[in-house]
Every structure is written in C-alpha cells, then in structure tokens.
Amino acid sequence: MDVHFIGEIKGATGFHFPNLTCRFKVIGCDDTHWRLEAGDMEGFTQIAGQTSLSKVVWNHPLDMHFFADSVETWPSLYLEVWGQDEYGRNTLAAYGQCLLPPTPGDGICLECATWRPEGSLMERIKSLFLGSHPQLQTPEEASLATSRFPLRTESMGTVSLELSVVMSDPLAGGVILPSNHQDPH
C-alpha cells in the first residue's frame, strides 16, 4: 500500500520565546514494513518570530511517500520546538508527538500539544538565570512510551499541522477514498 502525507507544519502558539524553530522526525513505523519512497523523514523549519497575536507562522512543507506492506505499526510525527532568546541562545522549548492520520482525507488539521520536563527545584532555578531547561537524554523513546510516569512534565504550547493523506492499494487497483466519499456513478 502506498501512503502519501502531504501538508505543512503551520505554526505554534503559547510559547514564551521571541523566536521559535521546530525539528520534526517521523517515528514509530517499523522499518521492515514501512519504506520511505520519497521525501524527508526529518528536518527543521526556519526560525520565525512571534506575531502580535503570540503566534509563530512556519508554513513548512511536509511531503512523504511511504510504501507499507503492513499497518501493524503506524507512523507518528515527533516534534522538538526550540526557542531562541533575545541574546541568540537556543534552548529546548518543548517536545511533542502526534499520530499521522490513518485515513485518507484532505486538509486534516492536527493540534499537537507539547510538553517539557519540569526538572528539580535546582534545575528550575538554574533555568531562570541561565535560560536553559532540562532535556531528556532519549526524548524519542520517551515520546513512544505509553506512559511518562514518573517523569514530571509541564504543558507548553501547541503546534498546528495540516495534512492531506492519499492511500493507494496496488492489489485493489487504485486510490482508497474516505468512507464519506460518494461515487458519482
């Protein structure tokens, strides 16, 4: 089955940094059953400043074409939002993860809630003076875990995505349409 994810990382809201960038990576799909045919599995958006509405606009394109011979696993989009302060220092703002849509459709809007480790009292005091926040050693593994317990986290902002999903099944002889699509014949 061919699966195409086409769309964009639109932007973010709710972050307390003047400038933000987002690192993204497709995770969670089994390499033996999912093969990337075209596109990039990971990358960075540009650095963008917040608008007067406390919103960052990236409009970073996503275009990935996979061939899957099993849907036992399904890909997720792992996100790291990085902030740049007024002195040009880059620091981790948040982690996030959202499941890529498993059904075909056009203009599917996703809101990915993000979080970061809260840290100990000393780490929080350090972050007030130095501007850096605690980071995980293996954040992608923590994102895939079913529970982050006993990790203490705090909610951060939201990253907005808009995707279109096209699926085709060579055995069925064509494109798989959403279930609410009406055949004109």
Protein backbone atom coordinates (compact mmCIF):
# COMPACT_ATOMS: atom_id res chain seq x y z
CA MET A 1 0.00 0.00 0.00
CA ASP A 2 1.29 3.45 -0.89
CA VAL A 3 0.71 6.17 1.70
CA HIS A 4 1.34 9.85 0.94
CA PHE A 5 1.36 12.52 3.66
CA ILE A 6 1.29 15.99 2.09
CA GLY A 7 0.84 19.22 4.00
CA GLU A 8 2.59 21.63 6.31
CA ILE A 9 3.65 22.45 9.82
CA LYS A 10 1.61 25.64 10.02
CA GLY A 11 2.92 27.21 13.22
CA ALA A 12 2.75 27.34 17.00
CA THR A 13 1.02 29.22 19.81
CA GLY A 14 1.52 29.50 23.55
CA PHE A 15 5.32 29.65 23.73
CA HIS A 16 7.27 32.26 25.71
CA PHE A 17 10.19 32.79 23.34
CA PRO A 18 10.52 35.62 20.82
CA ASN A 19 11.75 33.22 18.08
CA LEU A 20 11.00 29.54 17.50
CA THR A 21 12.02 26.71 15.20
CA CYS A 22 10.72 23.15 15.06
CA ARG A 23 12.63 19.92 14.46
CA PHE A 24 10.45 17.10 13.16
CA LYS A 25 11.00 13.40 12.60
CA VAL A 26 8.76 10.51 11.59
CA ILE A 27 8.96 7.78 14.23
CA GLY A 28 7.11 4.65 15.27
CA CYS A 29 6.82 2.93 11.93
CA ASP A 30 8.53 -0.41 11.63
CA ASP A 31 11.46 -0.17 9.19
CA THR A 32 10.85 -3.70 7.94
CA HIS A 33 7.25 -2.91 6.91
CA TRP A 34 7.43 0.83 6.05
CA ARG A 35 9.78 2.10 3.36
CA LEU A 36 10.25 5.78 2.54
CA GLU A 37 9.93 6.14 -1.24
CA ALA A 38 10.27 9.94 -1.47
CA GLY A 39 10.52 12.94 0.82
CA ASP A 40 12.29 13.59 4.09
CA MET A 41 11.69 11.70 7.34
CA GLU A 42 13.13 14.57 9.38
CA GLY A 43 14.12 18.20 9.18
CA PHE A 44 13.86 21.68 10.66
CA THR A 45 11.58 24.62 9.99
CA GLN A 46 13.05 28.09 9.66
CA ILE A 47 13.36 30.33 12.73
CA ALA A 48 10.31 32.58 12.93
CA GLY A 49 9.38 35.41 15.26
CA GLN A 50 6.10 35.66 17.10
CA THR A 51 3.38 37.88 15.66
CA SER A 52 1.39 40.35 17.72
CA LEU A 53 -1.07 37.51 18.46
CA SER A 54 1.67 35.41 20.16
CA LYS A 55 1.66 33.08 17.18
CA VAL A 56 4.59 31.76 15.17
CA VAL A 57 3.99 31.03 11.48
CA TRP A 58 6.26 28.47 9.80
CA ASN A 59 4.19 27.09 6.90
CA HIS A 60 6.91 24.46 6.48
CA PRO A 61 6.03 21.90 3.79
CA LEU A 62 5.80 18.18 4.52
CA ASP A 63 5.74 15.66 1.69
CA MET A 64 6.40 12.00 2.44
CA HIS A 65 5.62 8.95 0.34
CA PHE A 66 5.81 5.55 2.03
CA PHE A 67 5.26 2.01 0.86
CA ALA A 68 3.82 -0.15 3.64
CA ASP A 69 3.26 -3.88 3.49
CA SER A 70 1.75 -3.95 6.99
CA VAL A 71 -0.21 -1.49 9.11
CA GLU A 72 0.67 -3.24 12.36
CA THR A 73 2.51 -0.05 13.29
CA TRP A 74 1.63 3.48 12.14
CA PRO A 75 3.95 6.49 11.95
CA SER A 76 3.88 9.44 14.31
CA LEU A 77 5.42 12.86 13.89
CA TYR A 78 7.87 13.61 16.70
CA LEU A 79 8.45 17.33 17.34
CA GLU A 80 11.04 19.35 19.22
CA VAL A 81 10.31 23.06 19.48
CA TRP A 82 13.42 25.16 20.06
CA GLY A 83 13.36 28.74 21.29
CA GLN A 84 15.85 31.47 20.64
CA ASP A 85 16.01 34.27 23.20
CA GLU A 86 16.89 37.92 22.65
CA TYR A 87 20.62 37.06 23.05
CA GLY A 88 20.54 34.42 20.28
CA ARG A 89 20.79 31.45 22.67
CA ASN A 90 18.93 28.32 21.54
CA THR A 91 17.18 26.24 24.16
CA LEU A 92 14.65 23.43 24.08
CA ALA A 93 11.13 24.81 24.46
CA ALA A 94 9.11 21.57 24.24
CA TYR A 95 8.64 18.04 22.96
CA GLY A 96 5.53 16.77 21.20
CA GLN A 97 4.20 13.87 19.20
CA CYS A 98 1.10 13.29 17.12
CA LEU A 99 -0.10 10.27 15.17
CA LEU A 100 -0.16 10.86 11.44
CA PRO A 101 -3.75 10.46 10.16
CA PRO A 102 -4.53 6.79 9.44
CA THR A 103 -7.36 7.52 7.00
CA PRO A 104 -7.33 9.28 3.63
CA GLY A 105 -8.56 12.84 3.55
CA ASP A 106 -7.84 16.40 2.54
CA GLY A 107 -6.98 19.32 4.82
CA ILE A 108 -6.86 17.32 8.06
CA CYS A 109 -5.99 19.75 10.88
CA LEU A 110 -3.93 18.46 13.80
CA GLU A 111 -3.15 20.29 17.03
CA CYS A 112 -0.13 18.76 18.74
CA ALA A 113 0.10 19.57 22.46
CA THR A 114 3.68 19.91 23.67
CA TRP A 115 5.42 19.43 27.00
CA ARG A 116 8.82 19.65 28.60
CA PRO A 117 10.41 18.11 31.70
CA GLU A 118 9.69 20.14 34.81
CA GLY A 119 13.02 19.40 36.47
CA SER A 120 14.07 19.59 40.09
CA LEU A 121 13.93 22.79 42.13
CA MET A 122 17.62 23.45 41.41
CA GLU A 123 17.11 22.90 37.66
CA ARG A 124 14.18 25.34 37.65
CA ILE A 125 16.22 27.99 39.48
CA LYS A 126 19.09 27.41 37.05
CA SER A 127 16.72 27.88 34.10
CA LEU A 128 15.58 31.25 35.50
CA PHE A 129 19.15 32.58 35.49
CA LEU A 130 20.73 30.74 32.56
CA GLY A 131 17.74 30.32 30.26
CA SER A 132 18.22 26.59 29.69
CA HIS A 133 15.66 23.95 30.63
CA PRO A 134 16.15 20.27 31.48
CA GLN A 135 16.35 17.98 28.45
CA LEU A 136 15.80 14.25 28.08
CA GLN A 137 18.69 12.04 27.03
CA THR A 138 16.48 9.93 24.74
CA PRO A 139 13.41 12.08 24.01
CA GLU A 140 12.17 10.00 21.05
CA GLU A 141 11.98 6.90 23.25
CA ALA A 142 10.08 8.86 25.90
CA SER A 143 7.62 10.02 23.24
CA LEU A 144 6.95 6.44 22.15
CA ALA A 145 6.43 5.19 25.70
CA THR A 146 2.81 4.58 26.68
CA SER A 147 3.42 6.40 29.96
CA ARG A 148 5.95 9.02 31.01
CA PHE A 149 5.43 8.19 34.69
CA PRO A 150 7.40 9.05 36.91
CA LEU A 151 8.66 11.91 34.71
CA ARG A 152 7.25 15.25 35.86
CA THR A 153 6.31 17.46 32.94
CA GLU A 154 4.70 20.82 32.33
CA SER A 155 2.45 21.71 29.41
CA MET A 156 3.79 24.13 26.86
CA GLY A 157 2.29 25.47 23.63
CA THR A 158 0.60 23.87 20.67
CA VAL A 159 1.96 23.11 17.19
CA SER A 160 -0.56 23.21 14.31
CA LEU A 161 -0.32 20.96 11.27
CA GLU A 162 -2.47 20.50 8.20
CA LEU A 163 -2.15 17.28 6.22
CA SER A 164 -3.71 15.52 3.30
CA VAL A 165 -3.43 11.76 3.16
CA VAL A 166 -3.60 9.75 -0.05
CA MET A 167 -3.54 5.95 0.06
CA SER A 168 -3.44 3.56 -2.85
CA ASP A 169 -3.54 -0.19 -2.87
CA PRO A 170 -1.96 -1.78 -5.94
CA LEU A 171 -3.85 -5.02 -5.28
CA ALA A 172 -7.21 -3.24 -5.18
CA GLY A 173 -6.30 -1.32 -8.33
CA GLY A 174 -6.45 2.29 -7.26
CA VAL A 175 -6.73 5.03 -4.72
CA ILE A 176 -8.51 4.44 -1.41
CA LEU A 177 -11.08 7.19 -0.82
CA PRO A 178 -12.55 8.33 2.50
CA SER A 179 -15.65 6.39 3.57
CA ASN A 180 -17.88 9.50 3.23
CA HIS A 181 -16.91 9.94 -0.46
CA GLN A 182 -19.85 9.38 -2.82
CA ASP A 183 -19.28 7.71 -6.17
CA PRO A 184 -20.85 9.92 -8.89
CA HIS A 185 -21.99 6.88 -10.96
